[in-house]
Amino acid sequence: MTALIDALLVVVVLMVWLGCVGFARLRAPLDRMHCVAFVNVTAGSALVLAAFLGDGASVRAWKILLIAATSLLAGAAMSHATGRMIMVRDRVAEGTADLPPEDTIPEETV
């Protein structure tokens, strides 16, 4: 059983390194977000599995599962918000964004 847990932890480290290499090689910010999601899913799942194999259904294993699930949900929300921000930023830089004229923006928000 210990060899299987060790193998899962090696998989976690390899998936994180693979995500880092992919992040360094990809140039577009939207493409880089896929590497973050990849690490989040693969390494998180392997770590949860290793925790349950090592400890059984202990409090520590359930906490690790909760942290991994929260990371998946929060990561998805952050990826969506970040991707939307990047797309809006690019459209504003290109001048193709549908922005209201400046005279319609309330003065206190400027």
N, C-alpha and C. Protein backbone atom coordinates (compact mmCIF):
# COMPACT_ATOMS: atom_id res chain seq x y z
N MET A 1 0.82 -1.19 0.00
CA MET A 1 0.00 0.00 0.00
C MET A 1 0.86 1.26 0.00
N THR A 2 2.00 1.21 0.71
CA THR A 2 2.88 2.36 0.78
C THR A 2 3.46 2.69 -0.59
N ALA A 3 3.75 1.65 -1.37
CA ALA A 3 4.30 1.89 -2.72
C ALA A 3 3.27 2.60 -3.60
N LEU A 4 2.01 2.25 -3.46
CA LEU A 4 0.96 2.90 -4.24
C LEU A 4 0.80 4.36 -3.84
N ILE A 5 0.87 4.63 -2.56
CA ILE A 5 0.78 6.01 -2.08
C ILE A 5 1.97 6.82 -2.57
N ASP A 6 3.16 6.23 -2.48
CA ASP A 6 4.36 6.90 -2.99
C ASP A 6 4.24 7.17 -4.49
N ALA A 7 3.71 6.21 -5.23
CA ALA A 7 3.53 6.39 -6.67
C ALA A 7 2.55 7.53 -6.96
N LEU A 8 1.48 7.62 -6.19
CA LEU A 8 0.52 8.70 -6.37
C LEU A 8 1.14 10.06 -6.06
N LEU A 9 1.98 10.12 -5.05
CA LEU A 9 2.64 11.38 -4.72
C LEU A 9 3.65 11.76 -5.80
N VAL A 10 4.30 10.77 -6.41
CA VAL A 10 5.19 11.05 -7.55
C VAL A 10 4.36 11.58 -8.72
N VAL A 11 3.19 11.02 -8.93
CA VAL A 11 2.30 11.51 -9.99
C VAL A 11 1.91 12.97 -9.72
N VAL A 12 1.64 13.30 -8.47
CA VAL A 12 1.30 14.68 -8.12
C VAL A 12 2.44 15.62 -8.51
N VAL A 13 3.66 15.26 -8.13
CA VAL A 13 4.82 16.11 -8.45
C VAL A 13 5.02 16.20 -9.96
N LEU A 14 4.90 15.09 -10.66
CA LEU A 14 5.09 15.10 -12.12
C LEU A 14 4.02 15.95 -12.81
N MET A 15 2.79 15.87 -12.35
CA MET A 15 1.72 16.67 -12.96
C MET A 15 1.93 18.16 -12.73
N VAL A 16 2.43 18.51 -11.55
CA VAL A 16 2.72 19.92 -11.28
C VAL A 16 3.85 20.41 -12.18
N TRP A 17 4.90 19.60 -12.33
CA TRP A 17 6.00 20.00 -13.21
C TRP A 17 5.56 20.07 -14.67
N LEU A 18 4.73 19.13 -15.08
CA LEU A 18 4.21 19.16 -16.45
C LEU A 18 3.38 20.43 -16.68
N GLY A 19 2.58 20.80 -15.71
CA GLY A 19 1.82 22.03 -15.81
C GLY A 19 2.71 23.26 -15.86
N CYS A 20 3.80 23.24 -15.10
CA CYS A 20 4.75 24.37 -15.12
C CYS A 20 5.44 24.49 -16.47
N VAL A 21 5.83 23.37 -17.04
CA VAL A 21 6.48 23.40 -18.36
C VAL A 21 5.49 23.90 -19.41
N GLY A 22 4.26 23.40 -19.36
CA GLY A 22 3.25 23.87 -20.30
C GLY A 22 2.97 25.35 -20.13
N PHE A 23 2.92 25.80 -18.89
CA PHE A 23 2.68 27.22 -18.62
C PHE A 23 3.79 28.08 -19.20
N ALA A 24 5.03 27.61 -19.08
CA ALA A 24 6.17 28.37 -19.60
C ALA A 24 6.20 28.37 -21.13
N ARG A 25 5.73 27.29 -21.76
CA ARG A 25 5.79 27.20 -23.22
C ARG A 25 4.65 27.93 -23.92
N LEU A 26 3.50 28.02 -23.29
CA LEU A 26 2.37 28.68 -23.93
C LEU A 26 2.51 30.19 -23.78
N ARG A 27 2.17 30.90 -24.82
CA ARG A 27 2.35 32.36 -24.82
C ARG A 27 1.09 33.13 -24.49
N ALA A 28 -0.05 32.66 -24.93
CA ALA A 28 -1.29 33.41 -24.72
C ALA A 28 -1.81 33.19 -23.29
N PRO A 29 -2.26 34.24 -22.64
CA PRO A 29 -2.77 34.09 -21.27
C PRO A 29 -3.96 33.13 -21.18
N LEU A 30 -4.83 33.14 -22.18
CA LEU A 30 -5.96 32.23 -22.14
C LEU A 30 -5.52 30.77 -22.26
N ASP A 31 -4.44 30.52 -22.99
CA ASP A 31 -3.91 29.16 -23.09
C ASP A 31 -3.26 28.73 -21.77
N ARG A 32 -2.62 29.66 -21.11
CA ARG A 32 -1.94 29.34 -19.84
C ARG A 32 -2.92 28.93 -18.76
N MET A 33 -4.14 29.44 -18.83
CA MET A 33 -5.13 29.07 -17.83
C MET A 33 -5.46 27.58 -17.89
N HIS A 34 -5.30 26.98 -19.07
CA HIS A 34 -5.55 25.54 -19.18
C HIS A 34 -4.53 24.74 -18.36
N CYS A 35 -3.30 25.22 -18.31
CA CYS A 35 -2.28 24.53 -17.51
C CYS A 35 -2.61 24.60 -16.02
N VAL A 36 -3.11 25.72 -15.58
CA VAL A 36 -3.49 25.86 -14.18
C VAL A 36 -4.63 24.90 -13.84
N ALA A 37 -5.61 24.82 -14.73
CA ALA A 37 -6.73 23.90 -14.51
C ALA A 37 -6.26 22.45 -14.54
N PHE A 38 -5.33 22.13 -15.43
CA PHE A 38 -4.78 20.77 -15.52
C PHE A 38 -4.13 20.37 -14.20
N VAL A 39 -3.29 21.24 -13.66
CA VAL A 39 -2.62 20.95 -12.39
C VAL A 39 -3.64 20.81 -11.27
N ASN A 40 -4.62 21.69 -11.27
CA ASN A 40 -5.65 21.68 -10.24
C ASN A 40 -6.40 20.34 -10.22
N VAL A 41 -6.77 19.85 -11.39
CA VAL A 41 -7.57 18.62 -11.46
C VAL A 41 -6.71 17.38 -11.22
N THR A 42 -5.60 17.26 -11.95
CA THR A 42 -4.82 16.01 -11.87
C THR A 42 -4.10 15.86 -10.55
N ALA A 43 -3.39 16.90 -10.13
CA ALA A 43 -2.64 16.80 -8.88
C ALA A 43 -3.58 16.73 -7.68
N GLY A 44 -4.66 17.51 -7.72
CA GLY A 44 -5.62 17.47 -6.62
C GLY A 44 -6.28 16.12 -6.47
N SER A 45 -6.67 15.52 -7.59
CA SER A 45 -7.31 14.20 -7.53
C SER A 45 -6.35 13.13 -7.02
N ALA A 46 -5.13 13.14 -7.51
CA ALA A 46 -4.15 12.15 -7.06
C ALA A 46 -3.82 12.33 -5.58
N LEU A 47 -3.77 13.56 -5.12
CA LEU A 47 -3.48 13.81 -3.71
C LEU A 47 -4.62 13.34 -2.82
N VAL A 48 -5.85 13.57 -3.25
CA VAL A 48 -7.00 13.09 -2.47
C VAL A 48 -7.01 11.57 -2.41
N LEU A 49 -6.74 10.93 -3.54
CA LEU A 49 -6.69 9.47 -3.56
C LEU A 49 -5.60 8.94 -2.65
N ALA A 50 -4.43 9.57 -2.67
CA ALA A 50 -3.34 9.15 -1.79
C ALA A 50 -3.72 9.32 -0.32
N ALA A 51 -4.42 10.40 0.00
CA ALA A 51 -4.83 10.63 1.38
C ALA A 51 -5.82 9.57 1.86
N PHE A 52 -6.77 9.22 1.01
CA PHE A 52 -7.75 8.21 1.41
C PHE A 52 -7.12 6.82 1.47
N LEU A 53 -6.16 6.53 0.60
CA LEU A 53 -5.47 5.24 0.67
C LEU A 53 -4.60 5.15 1.92
N GLY A 54 -3.99 6.26 2.28
CA GLY A 54 -3.09 6.26 3.43
C GLY A 54 -3.80 6.28 4.77
N ASP A 55 -4.84 7.07 4.87
CA ASP A 55 -5.51 7.26 6.15
C ASP A 55 -6.87 6.60 6.25
N GLY A 56 -7.41 6.18 5.13
CA GLY A 56 -8.79 5.72 5.16
C GLY A 56 -9.70 6.93 5.20
N ALA A 57 -10.89 6.76 5.71
CA ALA A 57 -11.85 7.87 5.78
C ALA A 57 -11.65 8.66 7.07
N SER A 58 -10.47 9.19 7.25
CA SER A 58 -10.17 9.95 8.47
C SER A 58 -10.56 11.41 8.28
N VAL A 59 -10.50 12.15 9.35
CA VAL A 59 -10.82 13.58 9.30
C VAL A 59 -9.84 14.30 8.39
N ARG A 60 -8.57 13.92 8.45
CA ARG A 60 -7.56 14.56 7.61
C ARG A 60 -7.84 14.32 6.13
N ALA A 61 -8.22 13.11 5.77
CA ALA A 61 -8.51 12.81 4.37
C ALA A 61 -9.73 13.60 3.89
N TRP A 62 -10.75 13.72 4.74
CA TRP A 62 -11.93 14.48 4.36
C TRP A 62 -11.61 15.96 4.22
N LYS A 63 -10.71 16.47 5.05
CA LYS A 63 -10.29 17.87 4.93
C LYS A 63 -9.55 18.09 3.61
N ILE A 64 -8.70 17.14 3.24
CA ILE A 64 -7.99 17.25 1.97
C ILE A 64 -8.97 17.23 0.80
N LEU A 65 -9.98 16.37 0.89
CA LEU A 65 -11.01 16.33 -0.15
C LEU A 65 -11.76 17.66 -0.22
N LEU A 66 -12.10 18.23 0.93
CA LEU A 66 -12.79 19.51 0.96
C LEU A 66 -11.93 20.63 0.35
N ILE A 67 -10.65 20.63 0.67
CA ILE A 67 -9.75 21.64 0.12
C ILE A 67 -9.62 21.48 -1.39
N ALA A 68 -9.50 20.23 -1.86
CA ALA A 68 -9.39 19.99 -3.30
C ALA A 68 -10.68 20.39 -4.02
N ALA A 69 -11.83 20.06 -3.46
CA ALA A 69 -13.10 20.43 -4.09
C ALA A 69 -13.28 21.95 -4.11
N THR A 70 -12.93 22.60 -3.02
CA THR A 70 -13.01 24.06 -2.98
C THR A 70 -12.07 24.69 -4.00
N SER A 71 -10.88 24.13 -4.12
CA SER A 71 -9.92 24.61 -5.09
C SER A 71 -10.44 24.44 -6.52
N LEU A 72 -11.10 23.32 -6.79
CA LEU A 72 -11.67 23.11 -8.13
C LEU A 72 -12.76 24.13 -8.42
N LEU A 73 -13.66 24.34 -7.47
CA LEU A 73 -14.76 25.29 -7.69
C LEU A 73 -14.26 26.73 -7.77
N ALA A 74 -13.41 27.11 -6.84
CA ALA A 74 -12.88 28.47 -6.86
C ALA A 74 -11.99 28.69 -8.07
N GLY A 75 -11.23 27.66 -8.44
CA GLY A 75 -10.37 27.77 -9.62
C GLY A 75 -11.18 27.96 -10.89
N ALA A 76 -12.30 27.27 -11.00
CA ALA A 76 -13.15 27.44 -12.17
C ALA A 76 -13.73 28.85 -12.23
N ALA A 77 -14.17 29.35 -11.09
CA ALA A 77 -14.73 30.71 -11.06
C ALA A 77 -13.65 31.75 -11.36
N MET A 78 -12.47 31.56 -10.80
CA MET A 78 -11.38 32.50 -11.07
C MET A 78 -10.93 32.44 -12.52
N SER A 79 -10.90 31.25 -13.10
CA SER A 79 -10.52 31.11 -14.51
C SER A 79 -11.52 31.83 -15.40
N HIS A 80 -12.79 31.68 -15.08
CA HIS A 80 -13.82 32.35 -15.87
C HIS A 80 -13.68 33.86 -15.76
N ALA A 81 -13.53 34.37 -14.55
CA ALA A 81 -13.41 35.81 -14.35
C ALA A 81 -12.15 36.36 -14.99
N THR A 82 -11.04 35.64 -14.86
CA THR A 82 -9.78 36.07 -15.45
C THR A 82 -9.86 36.05 -16.97
N GLY A 83 -10.43 34.98 -17.52
CA GLY A 83 -10.57 34.89 -18.98
C GLY A 83 -11.43 36.01 -19.52
N ARG A 84 -12.52 36.32 -18.83
CA ARG A 84 -13.39 37.41 -19.28
C ARG A 84 -12.65 38.75 -19.21
N MET A 85 -11.89 38.96 -18.15
CA MET A 85 -11.13 40.20 -18.01
C MET A 85 -10.10 40.34 -19.12
N ILE A 86 -9.43 39.24 -19.46
CA ILE A 86 -8.42 39.28 -20.53
C ILE A 86 -9.07 39.60 -21.86
N MET A 87 -10.23 39.01 -22.14
CA MET A 87 -10.92 39.28 -23.40
C MET A 87 -11.38 40.73 -23.48
N VAL A 88 -11.91 41.27 -22.38
CA VAL A 88 -12.34 42.67 -22.37
C VAL A 88 -11.13 43.59 -22.55
N ARG A 89 -10.04 43.28 -21.86
CA ARG A 89 -8.83 44.10 -21.98
C ARG A 89 -8.33 44.11 -23.41
N ASP A 90 -8.32 42.96 -24.08
CA ASP A 90 -7.86 42.90 -25.45
C ASP A 90 -8.78 43.66 -26.39
N ARG A 91 -10.09 43.58 -26.15
CA ARG A 91 -11.02 44.32 -27.01
C ARG A 91 -10.90 45.81 -26.80
N VAL A 92 -10.65 46.24 -25.58
CA VAL A 92 -10.46 47.67 -25.31
C VAL A 92 -9.18 48.14 -25.99
N ALA A 93 -8.11 47.34 -25.91
CA ALA A 93 -6.85 47.71 -26.55
C ALA A 93 -6.99 47.81 -28.06
N GLU A 94 -7.83 46.94 -28.64
CA GLU A 94 -8.05 46.97 -30.09
C GLU A 94 -9.03 48.06 -30.49
N GLY A 95 -9.77 48.58 -29.55
CA GLY A 95 -10.77 49.59 -29.85
C GLY A 95 -12.08 49.01 -30.35
N THR A 96 -12.30 47.71 -30.13
CA THR A 96 -13.53 47.07 -30.61
C THR A 96 -14.53 46.82 -29.50
N ALA A 97 -14.25 47.31 -28.31
CA ALA A 97 -15.17 47.07 -27.19
C ALA A 97 -16.37 48.00 -27.30
N ASP A 98 -17.50 47.52 -26.85
CA ASP A 98 -18.71 48.33 -26.83
C ASP A 98 -18.76 49.08 -25.50
N LEU A 99 -18.06 50.19 -25.46
CA LEU A 99 -18.02 51.00 -24.24
C LEU A 99 -18.95 52.19 -24.39
N PRO A 100 -19.59 52.60 -23.31
CA PRO A 100 -20.43 53.79 -23.41
C PRO A 100 -19.57 55.04 -23.60
N PRO A 101 -20.12 56.07 -24.22
CA PRO A 101 -19.36 57.32 -24.35
C PRO A 101 -19.00 57.86 -22.97
N GLU A 102 -17.90 58.58 -22.90
CA GLU A 102 -17.42 59.04 -21.60
C GLU A 102 -18.38 60.00 -20.92
N ASP A 103 -19.18 60.71 -21.70
CA ASP A 103 -20.08 61.67 -21.08
C ASP A 103 -21.28 60.98 -20.41
N THR A 104 -21.48 59.66 -20.63
CA THR A 104 -22.57 58.95 -19.97
C THR A 104 -22.11 58.23 -18.71
N ILE A 105 -20.81 58.24 -18.42
CA ILE A 105 -20.29 57.61 -17.22
C ILE A 105 -20.44 58.59 -16.06
N PRO A 106 -21.06 58.18 -14.96
CA PRO A 106 -21.21 59.09 -13.81
C PRO A 106 -19.85 59.60 -13.33
N GLU A 107 -19.82 60.86 -12.94
CA GLU A 107 -18.58 61.50 -12.56
C GLU A 107 -17.89 60.84 -11.38
N GLU A 108 -18.65 60.32 -10.41
CA GLU A 108 -18.03 59.73 -9.22
C GLU A 108 -17.32 58.41 -9.52
N THR A 109 -17.60 57.77 -10.67
CA THR A 109 -16.93 56.50 -10.98
C THR A 109 -15.65 56.71 -11.77
N VAL A 110 -15.42 57.91 -12.28
CA VAL A 110 -14.25 58.19 -13.12
C VAL A 110 -13.05 58.47 -12.25
